[in-house]
């Protein structure tokens, strides 16, 4: 039985697909990246990941919870 197209079955596959490390992946997950984790096994679909990034990259920079320290109000 082969792997279904678009399914990422490990945390490492997800990080490779996104092109990030563990810390950035954790940040994306906290922002709502659609990943399922059951008993330590991570599963995601590339279509859902792509849609997540399409949505979050539509936001303006000022809508981001993190701001540049030089431009953040004091």
C-alpha atoms as a PDB file:
ATOM      1  CA  UNK A   1       0.000   0.000   0.000  1.00  0.00           C
ATOM      2  CA  UNK A   2       1.563   3.285  -1.103  1.00  0.00           C
ATOM      3  CA  UNK A   3       1.554   6.689   0.477  1.00  0.00           C
ATOM      4  CA  UNK A   4      -1.372   8.916  -0.462  1.00  0.00           C
ATOM      5  CA  UNK A   5      -0.382  11.927  -2.593  1.00  0.00           C
ATOM      6  CA  UNK A   6       0.025  15.103  -0.567  1.00  0.00           C
ATOM      7  CA  UNK A   7       0.192  13.372   2.817  1.00  0.00           C
ATOM      8  CA  UNK A   8       3.166  14.186   5.049  1.00  0.00           C
ATOM      9  CA  UNK A   9       3.588  11.518   7.730  1.00  0.00           C
ATOM     10  CA  UNK A  10       6.355  12.836   9.952  1.00  0.00           C
ATOM     11  CA  UNK A  11       7.418  16.059  11.598  1.00  0.00           C
ATOM     12  CA  UNK A  12      10.579  15.920   9.490  1.00  0.00           C
ATOM     13  CA  UNK A  13       8.590  15.641   6.237  1.00  0.00           C
ATOM     14  CA  UNK A  14       6.472  18.626   7.294  1.00  0.00           C
ATOM     15  CA  UNK A  15       9.538  20.721   8.158  1.00  0.00           C
ATOM     16  CA  UNK A  16      11.178  19.779   4.866  1.00  0.00           C
ATOM     17  CA  UNK A  17       8.040  20.678   2.904  1.00  0.00           C
ATOM     18  CA  UNK A  18       7.769  24.060   4.619  1.00  0.00           C
ATOM     19  CA  UNK A  19      11.513  24.631   4.687  1.00  0.00           C
ATOM     20  CA  UNK A  20      11.818  25.359   8.387  1.00  0.00           C
ATOM     21  CA  UNK A  21      13.248  24.013  11.630  1.00  0.00           C
ATOM     22  CA  UNK A  22      11.495  22.874  14.801  1.00  0.00           C
ATOM     23  CA  UNK A  23      11.225  26.317  16.431  1.00  0.00           C
ATOM     24  CA  UNK A  24       9.617  27.932  13.403  1.00  0.00           C
ATOM     25  CA  UNK A  25       7.339  24.922  12.932  1.00  0.00           C
ATOM     26  CA  UNK A  26       6.174  25.319  16.544  1.00  0.00           C
ATOM     27  CA  UNK A  27       5.434  28.996  15.843  1.00  0.00           C
ATOM     28  CA  UNK A  28       3.409  28.098  12.746  1.00  0.00           C
ATOM     29  CA  UNK A  29       1.480  25.456  14.713  1.00  0.00           C
ATOM     30  CA  UNK A  30       0.656  28.069  17.375  1.00  0.00           C
ATOM     31  CA  UNK A  31      -0.636  30.281  14.540  1.00  0.00           C
ATOM     32  CA  UNK A  32      -2.967  27.500  13.372  1.00  0.00           C
ATOM     33  CA  UNK A  33      -0.943  25.430  10.907  1.00  0.00           C
ATOM     34  CA  UNK A  34      -3.235  22.454  10.199  1.00  0.00           C
ATOM     35  CA  UNK A  35      -1.267  19.520  11.568  1.00  0.00           C
ATOM     36  CA  UNK A  36      -2.654  16.505  13.369  1.00  0.00           C
ATOM     37  CA  UNK A  37      -0.548  14.962  16.105  1.00  0.00           C
ATOM     38  CA  UNK A  38      -1.718  11.679  17.594  1.00  0.00           C
ATOM     39  CA  UNK A  39       0.453   9.717  20.005  1.00  0.00           C
ATOM     40  CA  UNK A  40       3.555  11.531  18.770  1.00  0.00           C
ATOM     41  CA  UNK A  41       2.834  10.921  15.077  1.00  0.00           C
ATOM     42  CA  UNK A  42       2.460  14.038  12.944  1.00  0.00           C
ATOM     43  CA  UNK A  43       0.249  14.088   9.860  1.00  0.00           C
ATOM     44  CA  UNK A  44      -0.511  16.929   7.478  1.00  0.00           C
ATOM     45  CA  UNK A  45      -1.718  17.433   3.926  1.00  0.00           C
ATOM     46  CA  UNK A  46       0.210  19.668   1.567  1.00  0.00           C
ATOM     47  CA  UNK A  47      -3.003  21.299   0.268  1.00  0.00           C
ATOM     48  CA  UNK A  48      -3.926  22.378   3.805  1.00  0.00           C
ATOM     49  CA  UNK A  49      -0.430  23.697   4.498  1.00  0.00           C
ATOM     50  CA  UNK A  50      -0.458  25.641   1.225  1.00  0.00           C
ATOM     51  CA  UNK A  51      -3.869  27.117   2.067  1.00  0.00           C
ATOM     52  CA  UNK A  52      -2.652  28.130   5.547  1.00  0.00           C
ATOM     53  CA  UNK A  53       0.247  30.068   4.036  1.00  0.00           C
ATOM     54  CA  UNK A  54      -2.016  31.662   1.400  1.00  0.00           C
ATOM     55  CA  UNK A  55      -4.255  32.950   4.192  1.00  0.00           C
ATOM     56  CA  UNK A  56      -1.583  34.173   6.608  1.00  0.00           C
ATOM     57  CA  UNK A  57       0.435  35.909   3.908  1.00  0.00           C
ATOM     58  CA  UNK A  58      -2.628  37.984   2.949  1.00  0.00           C
ATOM     59  CA  UNK A  59      -2.460  39.756   6.314  1.00  0.00           C
ATOM     60  CA  UNK A  60      -0.793  43.110   6.514  1.00  0.00           C
ATOM     61  CA  UNK A  61       2.370  43.357   8.580  1.00  0.00           C
ATOM     62  CA  UNK A  62       0.555  45.521  11.119  1.00  0.00           C
ATOM     63  CA  UNK A  63      -1.885  42.656  11.747  1.00  0.00           C
ATOM     64  CA  UNK A  64       0.973  40.434  12.863  1.00  0.00           C
ATOM     65  CA  UNK A  65       1.317  39.771  16.604  1.00  0.00           C
ATOM     66  CA  UNK A  66       5.071  40.325  16.348  1.00  0.00           C
ATOM     67  CA  UNK A  67       6.296  43.759  15.395  1.00  0.00           C
ATOM     68  CA  UNK A  68       9.665  45.195  14.519  1.00  0.00           C
ATOM     69  CA  UNK A  69      11.118  46.586  17.788  1.00  0.00           C
ATOM     70  CA  UNK A  70      12.178  49.761  15.983  1.00  0.00           C
ATOM     71  CA  UNK A  71       8.647  50.542  14.816  1.00  0.00           C
ATOM     72  CA  UNK A  72       6.642  49.143  17.748  1.00  0.00           C
ATOM     73  CA  UNK A  73       4.849  51.697  19.913  1.00  0.00           C
ATOM     74  CA  UNK A  74       6.301  52.171  23.375  1.00  0.00           C
END
